[in-house]
Amino acid sequence: MVDQRNVCVRCGEELKGVFCYSCGEKKLEKQDKKLSHFFEELIASVFVADGKFLSTIKLLITRPGELTRNFVIGIRRKYLSPLQLFFFANLIYFIFPIISTFNTSLEVQMYQLPYSSQIERVVNTYLAKSGENKELFKTNYERVSNSNGKLLLIILVVLQGLFLKLLFFKREDLYLIDFFAGSAYFYGFYILFALVLFPALFNLGVGLFSFSIGGMMNEATLSIILLAVVIVYMYALIKGGYNTSKGGAIWRSLLLGVFLIPSFIIYRYVLFWVTFWMVA
């Protein structure tokens, strides 16, 4: 009679070692239940497993299109998947929100966006019916919006992936998933380096060397710099990732830079409604 302790709980096969030869499930042992083991596996899966993390980050910086190209042709186990990288970047941005690019205050939602007249009516109607103090509502709204803004970044990945597919509608060898992958790698780079690392290094330099740039680094200047980074990086990603000519990569990256404006508007519109439904 087979000892049930040596039977795979997933498929029922008799275990000959720690791992099941049939389905690959690991035999659960006492140390696997410890909290310390959970965190060890978490850290290993992100940072050190098979060297995926370092090799992915290296290619992300030095050869922007290489990760996307590898995904397209089927080389995937060697690097973090597009979603793994995106969610890791999102987690870092959640912990270190140096630039609040993706957060939108209630004032901006109500008065500074193309759809603001609708939002203003909705908020004022709610406040009139509920009798809630506007400042209290604003505080609660922006607290929840700050968290939602990071969780909903996947919307930007989807929108850019769909737009990329439109730009390559004649390429029958490329599938929608290939464009979602390129979009996820792009936003992984954008979040990690444009919104976290670059501002952190800049602030460190200001603190160490005590220099000031006055009004030079305002929101408009920063937006121009980030837009330039977006276009240059997308050019390299499109050219290398989708095997495109220089000319084709140039006009597509320029259009993607322009597309950021409506995509951010759509993202903020969705962000408002998700947040409003949670706090109203």
C-alpha atoms as a PDB file:
ATOM      1  CA  MET A   1       0.000   0.000   0.000  1.00  0.00           C
ATOM      2  CA  VAL A   2       1.362   3.409  -0.983  1.00  0.00           C
ATOM      3  CA  ASP A   3       2.081   5.805   1.866  1.00  0.00           C
ATOM      4  CA  GLN A   4      -0.233   8.799   1.265  1.00  0.00           C
ATOM      5  CA  ARG A   5       2.533  11.109   2.417  1.00  0.00           C
ATOM      6  CA  ASN A   6       4.424  10.064  -0.715  1.00  0.00           C
ATOM      7  CA  VAL A   7       1.542  10.678  -3.122  1.00  0.00           C
ATOM      8  CA  CYS A   8       1.268  13.852  -5.181  1.00  0.00           C
ATOM      9  CA  VAL A   9      -1.652  15.899  -3.883  1.00  0.00           C
ATOM     10  CA  ARG A  10      -2.242  17.317  -7.358  1.00  0.00           C
ATOM     11  CA  CYS A  11      -2.319  14.296  -9.654  1.00  0.00           C
ATOM     12  CA  GLY A  12      -2.149  11.291  -7.283  1.00  0.00           C
ATOM     13  CA  GLU A  13       1.078   9.807  -8.662  1.00  0.00           C
ATOM     14  CA  GLU A  14       3.511   8.136  -6.286  1.00  0.00           C
ATOM     15  CA  LEU A  15       6.396  10.444  -5.453  1.00  0.00           C
ATOM     16  CA  LYS A  16       9.941   9.239  -6.040  1.00  0.00           C
ATOM     17  CA  GLY A  17      11.561  12.392  -4.727  1.00  0.00           C
ATOM     18  CA  VAL A  18      10.746  15.967  -3.765  1.00  0.00           C
ATOM     19  CA  PHE A  19       9.063  16.779  -7.102  1.00  0.00           C
ATOM     20  CA  CYS A  20       6.376  14.789  -8.925  1.00  0.00           C
ATOM     21  CA  TYR A  21       7.694  13.378 -12.218  1.00  0.00           C
ATOM     22  CA  SER A  22       4.199  13.630 -13.747  1.00  0.00           C
ATOM     23  CA  CYS A  23       3.043  17.196 -13.043  1.00  0.00           C
ATOM     24  CA  GLY A  24       6.090  18.820 -11.418  1.00  0.00           C
ATOM     25  CA  GLU A  25       4.325  19.656  -8.147  1.00  0.00           C
ATOM     26  CA  LYS A  26       6.645  19.894  -5.107  1.00  0.00           C
ATOM     27  CA  LYS A  27       6.041  17.779  -2.024  1.00  0.00           C
ATOM     28  CA  LEU A  28       4.876  20.129   0.729  1.00  0.00           C
ATOM     29  CA  GLU A  29       7.089  20.044   3.793  1.00  0.00           C
ATOM     30  CA  LYS A  30       6.948  21.789   7.150  1.00  0.00           C
ATOM     31  CA  GLN A  31       9.449  24.515   6.242  1.00  0.00           C
ATOM     32  CA  ASP A  32       7.385  25.393   3.158  1.00  0.00           C
ATOM     33  CA  LYS A  33       4.673  26.674   5.510  1.00  0.00           C
ATOM     34  CA  LYS A  34       6.945  29.205   7.198  1.00  0.00           C
ATOM     35  CA  LEU A  35       6.514  32.909   6.423  1.00  0.00           C
ATOM     36  CA  SER A  36      10.265  33.262   5.915  1.00  0.00           C
ATOM     37  CA  HIS A  37      10.143  30.665   3.132  1.00  0.00           C
ATOM     38  CA  PHE A  38       7.356  32.604   1.415  1.00  0.00           C
ATOM     39  CA  PHE A  39       9.465  35.764   1.292  1.00  0.00           C
ATOM     40  CA  GLU A  40      12.534  33.812   0.177  1.00  0.00           C
ATOM     41  CA  GLU A  41      10.589  32.479  -2.808  1.00  0.00           C
ATOM     42  CA  LEU A  42       9.163  35.923  -3.556  1.00  0.00           C
ATOM     43  CA  ILE A  43      12.589  37.570  -3.617  1.00  0.00           C
ATOM     44  CA  ALA A  44      14.119  34.721  -5.604  1.00  0.00           C
ATOM     45  CA  SER A  45      11.352  34.740  -8.213  1.00  0.00           C
ATOM     46  CA  VAL A  46      11.800  38.455  -8.875  1.00  0.00           C
ATOM     47  CA  PHE A  47      15.496  39.116  -8.416  1.00  0.00           C
ATOM     48  CA  VAL A  48      17.673  36.063  -8.741  1.00  0.00           C
ATOM     49  CA  ALA A  49      15.832  33.138 -10.296  1.00  0.00           C
ATOM     50  CA  ASP A  50      17.852  32.020 -13.304  1.00  0.00           C
ATOM     51  CA  GLY A  51      19.331  35.513 -13.550  1.00  0.00           C
ATOM     52  CA  LYS A  52      16.122  36.653 -15.247  1.00  0.00           C
ATOM     53  CA  PHE A  53      15.832  39.938 -13.440  1.00  0.00           C
ATOM     54  CA  LEU A  54      19.301  41.284 -14.170  1.00  0.00           C
ATOM     55  CA  SER A  55      19.340  40.082 -17.771  1.00  0.00           C
ATOM     56  CA  THR A  56      15.914  41.625 -18.375  1.00  0.00           C
ATOM     57  CA  ILE A  57      16.841  44.997 -16.886  1.00  0.00           C
ATOM     58  CA  LYS A  58      20.102  45.034 -18.844  1.00  0.00           C
ATOM     59  CA  LEU A  59      18.327  44.511 -22.163  1.00  0.00           C
ATOM     60  CA  LEU A  60      15.568  46.917 -21.189  1.00  0.00           C
ATOM     61  CA  ILE A  61      18.150  49.714 -20.946  1.00  0.00           C
ATOM     62  CA  THR A  62      20.774  48.840 -23.534  1.00  0.00           C
ATOM     63  CA  ARG A  63      18.721  47.193 -26.317  1.00  0.00           C
ATOM     64  CA  PRO A  64      15.077  48.329 -26.040  1.00  0.00           C
ATOM     65  CA  GLY A  65      13.689  46.186 -28.849  1.00  0.00           C
ATOM     66  CA  GLU A  66      15.485  42.968 -27.935  1.00  0.00           C
ATOM     67  CA  LEU A  67      13.040  41.830 -25.236  1.00  0.00           C
ATOM     68  CA  THR A  68      10.072  42.424 -27.520  1.00  0.00           C
ATOM     69  CA  ARG A  69      11.795  40.665 -30.428  1.00  0.00           C
ATOM     70  CA  ASN A  70      12.603  37.659 -28.245  1.00  0.00           C
ATOM     71  CA  PHE A  71       8.977  37.499 -27.129  1.00  0.00           C
ATOM     72  CA  VAL A  72       7.758  37.652 -30.739  1.00  0.00           C
ATOM     73  CA  ILE A  73       9.979  34.820 -31.956  1.00  0.00           C
ATOM     74  CA  GLY A  74       9.398  32.658 -28.861  1.00  0.00           C
ATOM     75  CA  ILE A  75      12.460  33.168 -26.623  1.00  0.00           C
ATOM     76  CA  ARG A  76      10.612  33.760 -23.356  1.00  0.00           C
ATOM     77  CA  ARG A  77      11.932  31.621 -20.503  1.00  0.00           C
ATOM     78  CA  LYS A  78      15.248  33.481 -20.351  1.00  0.00           C
ATOM     79  CA  TYR A  79      13.719  36.805 -19.279  1.00  0.00           C
ATOM     80  CA  LEU A  80      10.931  38.176 -17.122  1.00  0.00           C
ATOM     81  CA  SER A  81       7.654  38.125 -18.997  1.00  0.00           C
ATOM     82  CA  PRO A  82       6.236  41.501 -20.083  1.00  0.00           C
ATOM     83  CA  LEU A  83       3.609  41.406 -17.337  1.00  0.00           C
ATOM     84  CA  GLN A  84       6.135  40.341 -14.687  1.00  0.00           C
ATOM     85  CA  LEU A  85       8.305  43.334 -15.548  1.00  0.00           C
ATOM     86  CA  PHE A  86       5.346  45.713 -15.723  1.00  0.00           C
ATOM     87  CA  PHE A  87       3.938  44.669 -12.353  1.00  0.00           C
ATOM     88  CA  PHE A  88       7.382  44.793 -10.764  1.00  0.00           C
ATOM     89  CA  ALA A  89       7.825  48.364 -12.069  1.00  0.00           C
ATOM     90  CA  ASN A  90       4.336  49.205 -10.847  1.00  0.00           C
ATOM     91  CA  LEU A  91       5.202  47.889  -7.391  1.00  0.00           C
ATOM     92  CA  ILE A  92       8.357  50.022  -7.252  1.00  0.00           C
ATOM     93  CA  TYR A  93       6.367  53.078  -8.361  1.00  0.00           C
ATOM     94  CA  PHE A  94       3.743  52.287  -5.716  1.00  0.00           C
ATOM     95  CA  ILE A  95       6.408  52.214  -3.000  1.00  0.00           C
ATOM     96  CA  PHE A  96       8.442  55.188  -4.299  1.00  0.00           C
ATOM     97  CA  PRO A  97       5.984  57.630  -5.940  1.00  0.00           C
ATOM     98  CA  ILE A  98       8.568  60.341  -6.723  1.00  0.00           C
ATOM     99  CA  ILE A  99       6.596  61.821  -9.634  1.00  0.00           C
ATOM    100  CA  SER A 100       2.811  61.633  -9.444  1.00  0.00           C
ATOM    101  CA  THR A 101       2.324  61.587 -13.228  1.00  0.00           C
ATOM    102  CA  PHE A 102      -0.481  59.067 -13.114  1.00  0.00           C
ATOM    103  CA  ASN A 103      -2.335  60.534 -10.151  1.00  0.00           C
ATOM    104  CA  THR A 104      -4.995  63.143 -10.902  1.00  0.00           C
ATOM    105  CA  SER A 105      -6.466  65.446  -8.278  1.00  0.00           C
ATOM    106  CA  LEU A 106     -10.183  66.099  -8.046  1.00  0.00           C
ATOM    107  CA  GLU A 107      -9.635  69.723  -9.103  1.00  0.00           C
ATOM    108  CA  VAL A 108      -7.938  68.584 -12.322  1.00  0.00           C
ATOM    109  CA  GLN A 109     -10.713  66.075 -12.989  1.00  0.00           C
ATOM    110  CA  MET A 110     -13.417  68.692 -12.488  1.00  0.00           C
ATOM    111  CA  TYR A 111     -11.915  71.712 -14.251  1.00  0.00           C
ATOM    112  CA  GLN A 112      -8.902  70.963 -16.469  1.00  0.00           C
ATOM    113  CA  LEU A 113      -9.745  68.016 -18.739  1.00  0.00           C
ATOM    114  CA  PRO A 114     -11.904  67.733 -21.893  1.00  0.00           C
ATOM    115  CA  TYR A 115     -14.632  65.850 -20.034  1.00  0.00           C
ATOM    116  CA  SER A 116     -14.478  68.027 -16.885  1.00  0.00           C
ATOM    117  CA  SER A 117     -17.926  69.598 -17.354  1.00  0.00           C
ATOM    118  CA  GLN A 118     -19.491  66.141 -16.994  1.00  0.00           C
ATOM    119  CA  ILE A 119     -17.402  65.318 -13.935  1.00  0.00           C
ATOM    120  CA  GLU A 120     -18.232  68.657 -12.325  1.00  0.00           C
ATOM    121  CA  ARG A 121     -21.967  67.992 -12.700  1.00  0.00           C
ATOM    122  CA  VAL A 122     -21.639  64.469 -11.307  1.00  0.00           C
ATOM    123  CA  VAL A 123     -19.652  65.585  -8.245  1.00  0.00           C
ATOM    124  CA  ASN A 124     -21.852  68.603  -7.504  1.00  0.00           C
ATOM    125  CA  THR A 125     -25.010  66.524  -7.865  1.00  0.00           C
ATOM    126  CA  TYR A 126     -23.635  63.907  -5.495  1.00  0.00           C
ATOM    127  CA  LEU A 127     -22.598  66.518  -2.922  1.00  0.00           C
ATOM    128  CA  ALA A 128     -25.993  68.225  -3.098  1.00  0.00           C
ATOM    129  CA  LYS A 129     -27.881  64.944  -2.588  1.00  0.00           C
ATOM    130  CA  SER A 130     -25.615  63.468   0.073  1.00  0.00           C
ATOM    131  CA  GLY A 131     -24.874  66.670   1.977  1.00  0.00           C
ATOM    132  CA  GLU A 132     -21.242  65.603   2.293  1.00  0.00           C
ATOM    133  CA  ASN A 133     -18.658  68.319   2.826  1.00  0.00           C
ATOM    134  CA  LYS A 134     -16.720  68.985  -0.380  1.00  0.00           C
ATOM    135  CA  GLU A 135     -13.318  69.133   1.339  1.00  0.00           C
ATOM    136  CA  LEU A 136     -13.945  65.827   3.090  1.00  0.00           C
ATOM    137  CA  PHE A 137     -15.052  64.245  -0.180  1.00  0.00           C
ATOM    138  CA  LYS A 138     -11.984  65.652  -1.932  1.00  0.00           C
ATOM    139  CA  THR A 139      -9.668  64.230   0.736  1.00  0.00           C
ATOM    140  CA  ASN A 140     -11.240  60.769   0.528  1.00  0.00           C
ATOM    141  CA  TYR A 141     -11.353  60.861  -3.261  1.00  0.00           C
ATOM    142  CA  GLU A 142      -7.676  61.771  -3.684  1.00  0.00           C
ATOM    143  CA  ARG A 143      -6.550  59.194  -1.132  1.00  0.00           C
ATOM    144  CA  VAL A 144      -8.308  56.414  -3.029  1.00  0.00           C
ATOM    145  CA  SER A 145      -7.398  57.862  -6.437  1.00  0.00           C
ATOM    146  CA  ASN A 146      -3.713  57.831  -5.509  1.00  0.00           C
ATOM    147  CA  SER A 147      -3.835  54.066  -5.011  1.00  0.00           C
ATOM    148  CA  ASN A 148      -6.140  53.384  -7.946  1.00  0.00           C
ATOM    149  CA  GLY A 149      -3.957  55.455 -10.240  1.00  0.00           C
ATOM    150  CA  LYS A 150      -1.136  52.949  -9.925  1.00  0.00           C
ATOM    151  CA  LEU A 151      -3.337  49.866 -10.047  1.00  0.00           C
ATOM    152  CA  LEU A 152      -5.050  51.014 -13.241  1.00  0.00           C
ATOM    153  CA  LEU A 153      -1.868  51.614 -15.220  1.00  0.00           C
ATOM    154  CA  ILE A 154      -2.609  48.380 -17.071  1.00  0.00           C
ATOM    155  CA  ILE A 155      -5.172  50.441 -19.030  1.00  0.00           C
ATOM    156  CA  LEU A 156      -2.308  52.358 -20.664  1.00  0.00           C
ATOM    157  CA  VAL A 157      -0.609  49.090 -21.647  1.00  0.00           C
ATOM    158  CA  VAL A 158      -3.805  47.853 -23.304  1.00  0.00           C
ATOM    159  CA  LEU A 159      -4.477  51.153 -25.106  1.00  0.00           C
ATOM    160  CA  GLN A 160      -0.939  51.395 -26.465  1.00  0.00           C
ATOM    161  CA  GLY A 161      -0.965  47.739 -27.483  1.00  0.00           C
ATOM    162  CA  LEU A 162      -4.169  48.269 -29.462  1.00  0.00           C
ATOM    163  CA  PHE A 163      -2.751  51.394 -31.115  1.00  0.00           C
ATOM    164  CA  LEU A 164       0.441  49.552 -32.041  1.00  0.00           C
ATOM    165  CA  LYS A 165      -1.649  46.815 -33.636  1.00  0.00           C
ATOM    166  CA  LEU A 166      -3.417  49.503 -35.681  1.00  0.00           C
ATOM    167  CA  LEU A 167      -0.077  50.927 -36.815  1.00  0.00           C
ATOM    168  CA  PHE A 168       0.994  47.464 -38.007  1.00  0.00           C
ATOM    169  CA  PHE A 169      -2.359  46.352 -39.425  1.00  0.00           C
ATOM    170  CA  LYS A 170      -0.670  45.050 -42.605  1.00  0.00           C
ATOM    171  CA  ARG A 171       1.781  42.807 -40.710  1.00  0.00           C
ATOM    172  CA  GLU A 172       0.115  39.403 -40.649  1.00  0.00           C
ATOM    173  CA  ASP A 173       3.125  37.840 -38.915  1.00  0.00           C
ATOM    174  CA  LEU A 174       2.500  39.922 -35.774  1.00  0.00           C
ATOM    175  CA  TYR A 175      -0.325  39.265 -33.324  1.00  0.00           C
ATOM    176  CA  LEU A 176      -2.087  41.462 -30.771  1.00  0.00           C
ATOM    177  CA  ILE A 177      -0.259  39.736 -27.918  1.00  0.00           C
ATOM    178  CA  ASP A 178       3.062  40.799 -29.489  1.00  0.00           C
ATOM    179  CA  PHE A 179       2.011  44.436 -29.262  1.00  0.00           C
ATOM    180  CA  PHE A 180       0.755  44.076 -25.706  1.00  0.00           C
ATOM    181  CA  ALA A 181       4.187  42.637 -24.861  1.00  0.00           C
ATOM    182  CA  GLY A 182       6.013  45.591 -26.420  1.00  0.00           C
ATOM    183  CA  SER A 183       3.678  48.004 -24.647  1.00  0.00           C
ATOM    184  CA  ALA A 184       4.242  46.301 -21.270  1.00  0.00           C
ATOM    185  CA  TYR A 185       8.029  46.386 -21.730  1.00  0.00           C
ATOM    186  CA  PHE A 186       7.825  50.064 -22.687  1.00  0.00           C
ATOM    187  CA  TYR A 187       5.785  51.036 -19.630  1.00  0.00           C
ATOM    188  CA  GLY A 188       8.056  48.929 -17.445  1.00  0.00           C
ATOM    189  CA  PHE A 189      10.975  51.044 -18.660  1.00  0.00           C
ATOM    190  CA  TYR A 190       9.018  54.294 -18.458  1.00  0.00           C
ATOM    191  CA  ILE A 191       7.933  53.730 -14.861  1.00  0.00           C
ATOM    192  CA  LEU A 192      11.258  52.403 -13.582  1.00  0.00           C
ATOM    193  CA  PHE A 193      13.550  54.943 -15.206  1.00  0.00           C
ATOM    194  CA  ALA A 194      11.556  57.997 -16.234  1.00  0.00           C
ATOM    195  CA  LEU A 195       9.366  58.163 -13.115  1.00  0.00           C
ATOM    196  CA  VAL A 196      11.514  56.566 -10.413  1.00  0.00           C
ATOM    197  CA  LEU A 197      15.251  56.341 -11.148  1.00  0.00           C
ATOM    198  CA  PHE A 198      15.812  59.582 -13.085  1.00  0.00           C
ATOM    199  CA  PRO A 199      13.905  61.811 -10.605  1.00  0.00           C
ATOM    200  CA  ALA A 200      15.604  60.051  -7.682  1.00  0.00           C
ATOM    201  CA  LEU A 201      19.073  60.673  -9.142  1.00  0.00           C
ATOM    202  CA  PHE A 202      18.138  64.255  -9.999  1.00  0.00           C
ATOM    203  CA  ASN A 203      16.911  64.946  -6.458  1.00  0.00           C
ATOM    204  CA  LEU A 204      20.050  63.306  -5.068  1.00  0.00           C
ATOM    205  CA  GLY A 205      22.215  65.558  -7.229  1.00  0.00           C
ATOM    206  CA  VAL A 206      20.326  68.642  -6.091  1.00  0.00           C
ATOM    207  CA  GLY A 207      20.766  67.588  -2.480  1.00  0.00           C
ATOM    208  CA  LEU A 208      24.464  66.713  -2.743  1.00  0.00           C
ATOM    209  CA  PHE A 209      25.647  69.636  -4.845  1.00  0.00           C
ATOM    210  CA  SER A 210      23.133  72.224  -3.692  1.00  0.00           C
ATOM    211  CA  PHE A 211      22.415  73.602  -7.150  1.00  0.00           C
ATOM    212  CA  SER A 212      19.146  75.062  -8.251  1.00  0.00           C
ATOM    213  CA  ILE A 213      17.613  75.262 -11.700  1.00  0.00           C
ATOM    214  CA  GLY A 214      14.872  77.666 -10.663  1.00  0.00           C
ATOM    215  CA  GLY A 215      11.965  77.669 -13.060  1.00  0.00           C
ATOM    216  CA  MET A 216      13.720  75.575 -15.696  1.00  0.00           C
ATOM    217  CA  MET A 217      12.470  72.239 -14.384  1.00  0.00           C
ATOM    218  CA  ASN A 218       8.759  73.016 -14.226  1.00  0.00           C
ATOM    219  CA  GLU A 219       5.969  70.642 -15.244  1.00  0.00           C
ATOM    220  CA  ALA A 220       6.028  71.757 -18.883  1.00  0.00           C
ATOM    221  CA  THR A 221       9.795  71.223 -19.199  1.00  0.00           C
ATOM    222  CA  LEU A 222       9.576  67.832 -17.520  1.00  0.00           C
ATOM    223  CA  SER A 223       6.734  66.821 -19.843  1.00  0.00           C
ATOM    224  CA  ILE A 224       8.821  67.742 -22.906  1.00  0.00           C
ATOM    225  CA  ILE A 225      11.790  65.751 -21.619  1.00  0.00           C
ATOM    226  CA  LEU A 226       9.630  62.703 -20.866  1.00  0.00           C
ATOM    227  CA  LEU A 227       7.948  62.952 -24.273  1.00  0.00           C
ATOM    228  CA  ALA A 228      11.362  62.979 -25.957  1.00  0.00           C
ATOM    229  CA  VAL A 229      12.369  59.914 -23.946  1.00  0.00           C
ATOM    230  CA  VAL A 230       9.138  58.184 -24.970  1.00  0.00           C
ATOM    231  CA  ILE A 231       9.651  58.849 -28.688  1.00  0.00           C
ATOM    232  CA  VAL A 232      13.326  57.854 -28.738  1.00  0.00           C
ATOM    233  CA  TYR A 233      12.734  54.698 -26.711  1.00  0.00           C
ATOM    234  CA  MET A 234       9.688  53.710 -28.750  1.00  0.00           C
ATOM    235  CA  TYR A 235      11.684  54.235 -31.953  1.00  0.00           C
ATOM    236  CA  ALA A 236      14.324  51.770 -30.752  1.00  0.00           C
ATOM    237  CA  LEU A 237      11.695  49.323 -29.467  1.00  0.00           C
ATOM    238  CA  ILE A 238       9.675  49.373 -32.690  1.00  0.00           C
ATOM    239  CA  LYS A 239      12.690  49.119 -34.971  1.00  0.00           C
ATOM    240  CA  GLY A 240      14.302  46.237 -33.089  1.00  0.00           C
ATOM    241  CA  GLY A 241      11.237  44.537 -31.658  1.00  0.00           C
ATOM    242  CA  TYR A 242       9.136  44.377 -34.790  1.00  0.00           C
ATOM    243  CA  ASN A 243      11.908  44.316 -37.406  1.00  0.00           C
ATOM    244  CA  THR A 244      10.865  47.626 -38.948  1.00  0.00           C
ATOM    245  CA  SER A 245      12.743  50.042 -41.217  1.00  0.00           C
ATOM    246  CA  LYS A 246      14.128  53.292 -39.802  1.00  0.00           C
ATOM    247  CA  GLY A 247      11.483  55.326 -41.593  1.00  0.00           C
ATOM    248  CA  GLY A 248       8.685  53.075 -40.396  1.00  0.00           C
ATOM    249  CA  ALA A 249       9.964  53.204 -36.832  1.00  0.00           C
ATOM    250  CA  ILE A 250      10.236  57.017 -36.916  1.00  0.00           C
ATOM    251  CA  TRP A 251       6.665  57.787 -38.011  1.00  0.00           C
ATOM    252  CA  ARG A 252       5.188  55.137 -35.761  1.00  0.00           C
ATOM    253  CA  SER A 253       7.098  56.372 -32.683  1.00  0.00           C
ATOM    254  CA  LEU A 254       6.016  59.964 -33.415  1.00  0.00           C
ATOM    255  CA  LEU A 255       2.380  58.884 -33.665  1.00  0.00           C
ATOM    256  CA  LEU A 256       2.729  56.946 -30.417  1.00  0.00           C
ATOM    257  CA  GLY A 257       4.084  60.079 -28.745  1.00  0.00           C
ATOM    258  CA  VAL A 258       1.006  61.987 -29.909  1.00  0.00           C
ATOM    259  CA  PHE A 259      -1.251  59.088 -28.862  1.00  0.00           C
ATOM    260  CA  LEU A 260      -0.086  59.468 -25.269  1.00  0.00           C
ATOM    261  CA  ILE A 261      -2.362  62.501 -24.932  1.00  0.00           C
ATOM    262  CA  PRO A 262      -5.701  60.769 -25.683  1.00  0.00           C
ATOM    263  CA  SER A 263      -4.592  57.596 -23.908  1.00  0.00           C
ATOM    264  CA  PHE A 264      -3.855  59.532 -20.714  1.00  0.00           C
ATOM    265  CA  ILE A 265      -7.232  61.269 -21.017  1.00  0.00           C
ATOM    266  CA  ILE A 266      -9.011  57.911 -21.330  1.00  0.00           C
ATOM    267  CA  TYR A 267      -6.991  56.539 -18.413  1.00  0.00           C
ATOM    268  CA  ARG A 268      -7.913  59.514 -16.196  1.00  0.00           C
ATOM    269  CA  TYR A 269     -11.561  59.253 -17.178  1.00  0.00           C
ATOM    270  CA  VAL A 270     -11.661  55.595 -16.132  1.00  0.00           C
ATOM    271  CA  LEU A 271      -9.691  56.464 -12.983  1.00  0.00           C
ATOM    272  CA  PHE A 272     -12.312  59.033 -11.984  1.00  0.00           C
ATOM    273  CA  TRP A 273     -15.256  56.672 -12.329  1.00  0.00           C
ATOM    274  CA  VAL A 274     -13.565  53.777 -10.543  1.00  0.00           C
ATOM    275  CA  THR A 275     -12.580  56.072  -7.672  1.00  0.00           C
ATOM    276  CA  PHE A 276     -15.949  57.840  -7.550  1.00  0.00           C
ATOM    277  CA  TRP A 277     -17.823  54.535  -7.312  1.00  0.00           C
ATOM    278  CA  MET A 278     -15.572  53.531  -4.424  1.00  0.00           C
ATOM    279  CA  VAL A 279     -15.972  56.700  -2.342  1.00  0.00           C
ATOM    280  CA  ALA A 280     -19.475  57.918  -3.223  1.00  0.00           C
END
